[in-house]
Amino acid sequence: MKSTKENFFQNVYEVVKLIPPGRVTSYGAIAGYLGAKGSARMVGWALIASQPFTGIPAHRVVNRNGLLTGKQHFEAANAMQERLEQEGVQVENDRVVAFEQLFWDPSKELL
């Protein structure tokens, strides 16, 4: 039987896979959608643990202010920014430009 942590991590991965290219969401928005408001940090831990897996677009998850706070967990210093820019997301000074317009809220998008 899987532990609660493993199930939570898998649930995080399933939500992150649904973020459309060119859009971003926050750790807190994912936590809230999963019924774990206040567990944004745990969402971050799940994404750090996801790095060996393919198909999980962790680069689309930023902090509540649009900052690329997880960038140090990617294979290269600018990998997170480069992946976002390949999808048309503009990043300046480690912050998503037009964050509010690009924000994807799973609680609203996944009814």
N, C-alpha and C. Protein backbone atom coordinates (compact mmCIF):
# COMPACT_ATOMS: atom_id res chain seq x y z
N MET A 1 0.84 -1.19 0.00
CA MET A 1 0.00 0.00 0.00
C MET A 1 0.88 1.24 0.00
N LYS A 2 0.54 2.19 -0.84
CA LYS A 2 1.31 3.43 -0.93
C LYS A 2 1.05 4.32 0.26
N SER A 3 2.07 5.07 0.62
CA SER A 3 1.88 6.03 1.71
C SER A 3 1.12 7.24 1.20
N THR A 4 0.63 8.04 2.13
CA THR A 4 -0.08 9.26 1.77
C THR A 4 0.81 10.20 0.98
N LYS A 5 2.07 10.30 1.38
CA LYS A 5 3.02 11.18 0.68
C LYS A 5 3.16 10.76 -0.78
N GLU A 6 3.31 9.45 -1.04
CA GLU A 6 3.44 8.99 -2.42
C GLU A 6 2.19 9.29 -3.22
N ASN A 7 1.02 9.11 -2.62
CA ASN A 7 -0.22 9.44 -3.32
C ASN A 7 -0.31 10.94 -3.60
N PHE A 8 0.08 11.76 -2.63
CA PHE A 8 0.06 13.20 -2.83
C PHE A 8 0.99 13.58 -3.97
N PHE A 9 2.20 13.04 -3.97
CA PHE A 9 3.15 13.35 -5.03
C PHE A 9 2.57 12.95 -6.39
N GLN A 10 1.99 11.77 -6.49
CA GLN A 10 1.41 11.33 -7.75
C GLN A 10 0.26 12.25 -8.17
N ASN A 11 -0.55 12.69 -7.22
CA ASN A 11 -1.63 13.63 -7.54
C ASN A 11 -1.07 14.95 -8.06
N VAL A 12 0.02 15.43 -7.46
CA VAL A 12 0.68 16.65 -7.94
C VAL A 12 1.10 16.44 -9.40
N TYR A 13 1.74 15.32 -9.69
CA TYR A 13 2.22 15.06 -11.05
C TYR A 13 1.07 15.05 -12.05
N GLU A 14 -0.05 14.46 -11.66
CA GLU A 14 -1.20 14.40 -12.56
C GLU A 14 -1.74 15.80 -12.87
N VAL A 15 -1.77 16.68 -11.89
CA VAL A 15 -2.22 18.06 -12.12
C VAL A 15 -1.21 18.80 -12.99
N VAL A 16 0.06 18.68 -12.69
CA VAL A 16 1.09 19.40 -13.43
C VAL A 16 1.08 18.99 -14.90
N LYS A 17 0.82 17.74 -15.18
CA LYS A 17 0.75 17.27 -16.58
C LYS A 17 -0.36 17.96 -17.36
N LEU A 18 -1.35 18.51 -16.66
CA LEU A 18 -2.49 19.16 -17.32
C LEU A 18 -2.28 20.65 -17.60
N ILE A 19 -1.21 21.23 -17.07
CA ILE A 19 -0.95 22.65 -17.32
C ILE A 19 -0.62 22.82 -18.79
N PRO A 20 -1.37 23.63 -19.51
CA PRO A 20 -1.12 23.79 -20.94
C PRO A 20 0.22 24.49 -21.21
N PRO A 21 0.87 24.14 -22.31
CA PRO A 21 2.08 24.86 -22.70
C PRO A 21 1.77 26.36 -22.81
N GLY A 22 2.71 27.17 -22.37
CA GLY A 22 2.53 28.62 -22.43
C GLY A 22 1.76 29.19 -21.25
N ARG A 23 1.41 28.35 -20.30
CA ARG A 23 0.70 28.79 -19.10
C ARG A 23 1.52 28.38 -17.88
N VAL A 24 1.27 29.02 -16.75
CA VAL A 24 1.96 28.69 -15.50
C VAL A 24 0.95 28.65 -14.36
N THR A 25 1.32 27.96 -13.31
CA THR A 25 0.52 27.95 -12.10
C THR A 25 1.46 28.03 -10.91
N SER A 26 0.90 28.04 -9.73
CA SER A 26 1.73 28.17 -8.53
C SER A 26 1.65 26.90 -7.68
N TYR A 27 2.64 26.75 -6.82
CA TYR A 27 2.66 25.62 -5.89
C TYR A 27 1.39 25.64 -5.04
N GLY A 28 1.02 26.82 -4.56
CA GLY A 28 -0.15 26.96 -3.71
C GLY A 28 -1.45 26.64 -4.41
N ALA A 29 -1.55 27.00 -5.70
CA ALA A 29 -2.77 26.70 -6.46
C ALA A 29 -2.95 25.20 -6.61
N ILE A 30 -1.85 24.49 -6.82
CA ILE A 30 -1.93 23.02 -6.92
C ILE A 30 -2.32 22.43 -5.58
N ALA A 31 -1.69 22.90 -4.51
CA ALA A 31 -2.01 22.40 -3.17
C ALA A 31 -3.48 22.64 -2.85
N GLY A 32 -3.97 23.83 -3.15
CA GLY A 32 -5.37 24.14 -2.88
C GLY A 32 -6.31 23.24 -3.66
N TYR A 33 -5.99 23.01 -4.93
CA TYR A 33 -6.82 22.14 -5.76
C TYR A 33 -6.88 20.73 -5.19
N LEU A 34 -5.77 20.28 -4.62
CA LEU A 34 -5.70 18.92 -4.07
C LEU A 34 -6.26 18.83 -2.65
N GLY A 35 -6.83 19.93 -2.16
CA GLY A 35 -7.43 19.92 -0.83
C GLY A 35 -6.41 20.00 0.29
N ALA A 36 -5.23 20.53 -0.04
CA ALA A 36 -4.16 20.61 0.94
C ALA A 36 -3.64 22.04 1.03
N LYS A 37 -4.59 22.99 1.14
CA LYS A 37 -4.21 24.39 1.23
C LYS A 37 -3.16 24.56 2.33
N GLY A 38 -2.14 25.32 2.05
CA GLY A 38 -1.06 25.50 3.01
C GLY A 38 0.07 24.51 2.82
N SER A 39 -0.03 23.66 1.80
CA SER A 39 1.00 22.66 1.54
C SER A 39 1.78 22.95 0.27
N ALA A 40 1.94 24.22 -0.05
CA ALA A 40 2.68 24.60 -1.26
C ALA A 40 4.09 24.03 -1.23
N ARG A 41 4.71 24.05 -0.08
CA ARG A 41 6.08 23.53 0.04
C ARG A 41 6.14 22.05 -0.31
N MET A 42 5.13 21.30 0.08
CA MET A 42 5.10 19.87 -0.23
C MET A 42 4.94 19.66 -1.74
N VAL A 43 4.21 20.54 -2.41
CA VAL A 43 4.10 20.48 -3.87
C VAL A 43 5.50 20.68 -4.46
N GLY A 44 6.24 21.63 -3.92
CA GLY A 44 7.61 21.86 -4.37
C GLY A 44 8.48 20.63 -4.18
N TRP A 45 8.35 19.97 -3.04
CA TRP A 45 9.13 18.75 -2.80
C TRP A 45 8.76 17.67 -3.82
N ALA A 46 7.48 17.57 -4.13
CA ALA A 46 7.05 16.59 -5.13
C ALA A 46 7.70 16.88 -6.48
N LEU A 47 7.76 18.15 -6.84
CA LEU A 47 8.34 18.51 -8.14
C LEU A 47 9.84 18.28 -8.16
N ILE A 48 10.51 18.52 -7.04
CA ILE A 48 11.94 18.21 -6.96
C ILE A 48 12.14 16.71 -7.17
N ALA A 49 11.30 15.90 -6.55
CA ALA A 49 11.39 14.45 -6.68
C ALA A 49 11.02 13.97 -8.08
N SER A 50 10.32 14.79 -8.85
CA SER A 50 9.88 14.39 -10.19
C SER A 50 10.98 14.48 -11.24
N GLN A 51 12.07 15.13 -10.93
CA GLN A 51 13.09 15.40 -11.94
C GLN A 51 13.59 14.17 -12.70
N PRO A 52 13.67 12.99 -12.09
CA PRO A 52 14.10 11.84 -12.89
C PRO A 52 13.04 11.38 -13.90
N PHE A 53 11.78 11.79 -13.71
CA PHE A 53 10.70 11.33 -14.57
C PHE A 53 10.53 12.27 -15.77
N THR A 54 10.15 11.72 -16.89
CA THR A 54 9.87 12.55 -18.05
C THR A 54 8.37 12.78 -18.13
N GLY A 55 7.99 13.81 -18.83
CA GLY A 55 6.58 14.08 -19.03
C GLY A 55 5.92 14.90 -17.94
N ILE A 56 6.69 15.36 -16.97
CA ILE A 56 6.13 16.22 -15.92
C ILE A 56 6.72 17.62 -16.12
N PRO A 57 5.92 18.55 -16.64
CA PRO A 57 6.44 19.88 -16.96
C PRO A 57 6.56 20.78 -15.72
N ALA A 58 7.47 20.42 -14.84
CA ALA A 58 7.67 21.15 -13.59
C ALA A 58 8.06 22.61 -13.82
N HIS A 59 8.59 22.91 -14.99
CA HIS A 59 8.99 24.29 -15.29
C HIS A 59 7.80 25.24 -15.34
N ARG A 60 6.59 24.72 -15.45
CA ARG A 60 5.38 25.55 -15.51
C ARG A 60 4.84 25.92 -14.13
N VAL A 61 5.54 25.51 -13.08
CA VAL A 61 5.09 25.81 -11.72
C VAL A 61 6.06 26.80 -11.08
N VAL A 62 5.51 27.93 -10.67
CA VAL A 62 6.30 29.02 -10.10
C VAL A 62 5.69 29.42 -8.75
N ASN A 63 6.30 30.37 -8.08
CA ASN A 63 5.70 30.77 -6.80
C ASN A 63 4.52 31.71 -7.03
N ARG A 64 3.86 32.11 -5.97
CA ARG A 64 2.62 32.90 -6.08
C ARG A 64 2.81 34.27 -6.68
N ASN A 65 4.07 34.71 -6.80
CA ASN A 65 4.37 36.00 -7.42
C ASN A 65 4.94 35.86 -8.82
N GLY A 66 4.97 34.65 -9.33
CA GLY A 66 5.50 34.41 -10.67
C GLY A 66 7.00 34.22 -10.71
N LEU A 67 7.63 34.07 -9.57
CA LEU A 67 9.08 33.89 -9.52
C LEU A 67 9.47 32.44 -9.79
N LEU A 68 10.58 32.25 -10.47
CA LEU A 68 11.11 30.93 -10.78
C LEU A 68 11.93 30.41 -9.60
N THR A 69 11.27 30.20 -8.48
CA THR A 69 11.97 29.82 -7.26
C THR A 69 12.52 28.40 -7.30
N GLY A 70 12.03 27.57 -8.20
CA GLY A 70 12.52 26.19 -8.28
C GLY A 70 13.62 25.98 -9.29
N LYS A 71 14.12 27.05 -9.87
CA LYS A 71 15.07 26.92 -10.98
C LYS A 71 16.36 26.19 -10.62
N GLN A 72 16.77 26.26 -9.37
CA GLN A 72 18.02 25.61 -8.97
C GLN A 72 17.92 24.09 -8.98
N HIS A 73 16.72 23.56 -9.11
CA HIS A 73 16.53 22.11 -9.10
C HIS A 73 16.52 21.50 -10.50
N PHE A 74 16.75 22.33 -11.51
CA PHE A 74 16.82 21.83 -12.88
C PHE A 74 18.28 21.54 -13.23
N GLU A 75 18.47 20.85 -14.35
CA GLU A 75 19.80 20.39 -14.74
C GLU A 75 20.78 21.51 -15.06
N ALA A 76 20.30 22.66 -15.41
CA ALA A 76 21.16 23.81 -15.70
C ALA A 76 20.53 25.06 -15.10
N ALA A 77 21.35 26.05 -14.85
CA ALA A 77 20.90 27.28 -14.16
C ALA A 77 19.73 27.97 -14.88
N ASN A 78 19.72 27.95 -16.20
CA ASN A 78 18.68 28.66 -16.95
C ASN A 78 17.66 27.73 -17.61
N ALA A 79 17.68 26.45 -17.26
CA ALA A 79 16.82 25.48 -17.93
C ALA A 79 15.34 25.80 -17.76
N MET A 80 14.93 26.19 -16.57
CA MET A 80 13.51 26.49 -16.32
C MET A 80 13.07 27.66 -17.19
N GLN A 81 13.85 28.73 -17.19
CA GLN A 81 13.52 29.90 -18.01
C GLN A 81 13.52 29.54 -19.49
N GLU A 82 14.50 28.78 -19.93
CA GLU A 82 14.57 28.42 -21.35
C GLU A 82 13.36 27.60 -21.78
N ARG A 83 12.93 26.68 -20.95
CA ARG A 83 11.75 25.87 -21.28
C ARG A 83 10.49 26.73 -21.37
N LEU A 84 10.35 27.66 -20.43
CA LEU A 84 9.19 28.56 -20.48
C LEU A 84 9.23 29.43 -21.73
N GLU A 85 10.39 29.96 -22.04
CA GLU A 85 10.52 30.83 -23.23
C GLU A 85 10.26 30.06 -24.51
N GLN A 86 10.62 28.78 -24.56
CA GLN A 86 10.31 27.95 -25.73
C GLN A 86 8.81 27.82 -25.94
N GLU A 87 8.05 28.00 -24.87
CA GLU A 87 6.59 27.92 -24.93
C GLU A 87 5.95 29.29 -25.10
N GLY A 88 6.77 30.32 -25.25
CA GLY A 88 6.24 31.67 -25.47
C GLY A 88 6.04 32.47 -24.20
N VAL A 89 6.51 31.98 -23.06
CA VAL A 89 6.38 32.70 -21.79
C VAL A 89 7.60 33.59 -21.62
N GLN A 90 7.36 34.87 -21.48
CA GLN A 90 8.45 35.82 -21.29
C GLN A 90 8.85 35.86 -19.82
N VAL A 91 10.17 35.81 -19.57
CA VAL A 91 10.70 35.84 -18.21
C VAL A 91 11.75 36.93 -18.13
N GLU A 92 11.62 37.78 -17.12
CA GLU A 92 12.60 38.84 -16.86
C GLU A 92 12.96 38.81 -15.39
N ASN A 93 14.27 38.81 -15.11
CA ASN A 93 14.75 38.80 -13.72
C ASN A 93 14.12 37.67 -12.91
N ASP A 94 14.06 36.49 -13.50
CA ASP A 94 13.52 35.28 -12.85
C ASP A 94 12.04 35.40 -12.50
N ARG A 95 11.30 36.25 -13.19
CA ARG A 95 9.86 36.43 -12.93
C ARG A 95 9.11 36.33 -14.26
N VAL A 96 7.98 35.64 -14.23
CA VAL A 96 7.13 35.52 -15.40
C VAL A 96 6.47 36.87 -15.68
N VAL A 97 6.69 37.38 -16.88
CA VAL A 97 6.04 38.62 -17.30
C VAL A 97 4.58 38.28 -17.62
N ALA A 98 3.67 39.14 -17.29
CA ALA A 98 2.23 38.93 -17.50
C ALA A 98 1.74 37.68 -16.76
N PHE A 99 2.25 37.51 -15.56
CA PHE A 99 1.91 36.34 -14.74
C PHE A 99 0.40 36.18 -14.57
N GLU A 100 -0.30 37.25 -14.26
CA GLU A 100 -1.74 37.17 -14.02
C GLU A 100 -2.49 36.67 -15.26
N GLN A 101 -2.06 37.10 -16.44
CA GLN A 101 -2.72 36.68 -17.68
C GLN A 101 -2.40 35.23 -18.04
N LEU A 102 -1.23 34.76 -17.67
CA LEU A 102 -0.80 33.40 -18.01
C LEU A 102 -1.14 32.38 -16.92
N PHE A 103 -1.64 32.87 -15.79
CA PHE A 103 -1.89 31.99 -14.65
C PHE A 103 -3.00 30.99 -14.96
N TRP A 104 -2.71 29.74 -14.71
CA TRP A 104 -3.66 28.64 -14.90
C TRP A 104 -4.05 28.13 -13.53
N ASP A 105 -5.30 28.31 -13.17
CA ASP A 105 -5.79 27.91 -11.84
C ASP A 105 -6.52 26.58 -11.96
N PRO A 106 -5.93 25.51 -11.44
CA PRO A 106 -6.58 24.21 -11.57
C PRO A 106 -7.97 24.15 -10.94
N SER A 107 -8.22 24.94 -9.92
CA SER A 107 -9.54 24.94 -9.28
C SER A 107 -10.62 25.48 -10.20
N LYS A 108 -10.22 26.33 -11.15
CA LYS A 108 -11.17 26.89 -12.11
C LYS A 108 -11.14 26.13 -13.44
N GLU A 109 -9.97 25.67 -13.84
CA GLU A 109 -9.81 25.02 -15.14
C GLU A 109 -10.24 23.55 -15.12
N LEU A 110 -10.10 22.90 -13.98
CA LEU A 110 -10.41 21.48 -13.87
C LEU A 110 -11.68 21.31 -13.05
N LEU A 111 -12.80 21.55 -13.66
CA LEU A 111 -14.09 21.45 -12.96
C LEU A 111 -14.59 20.05 -12.85
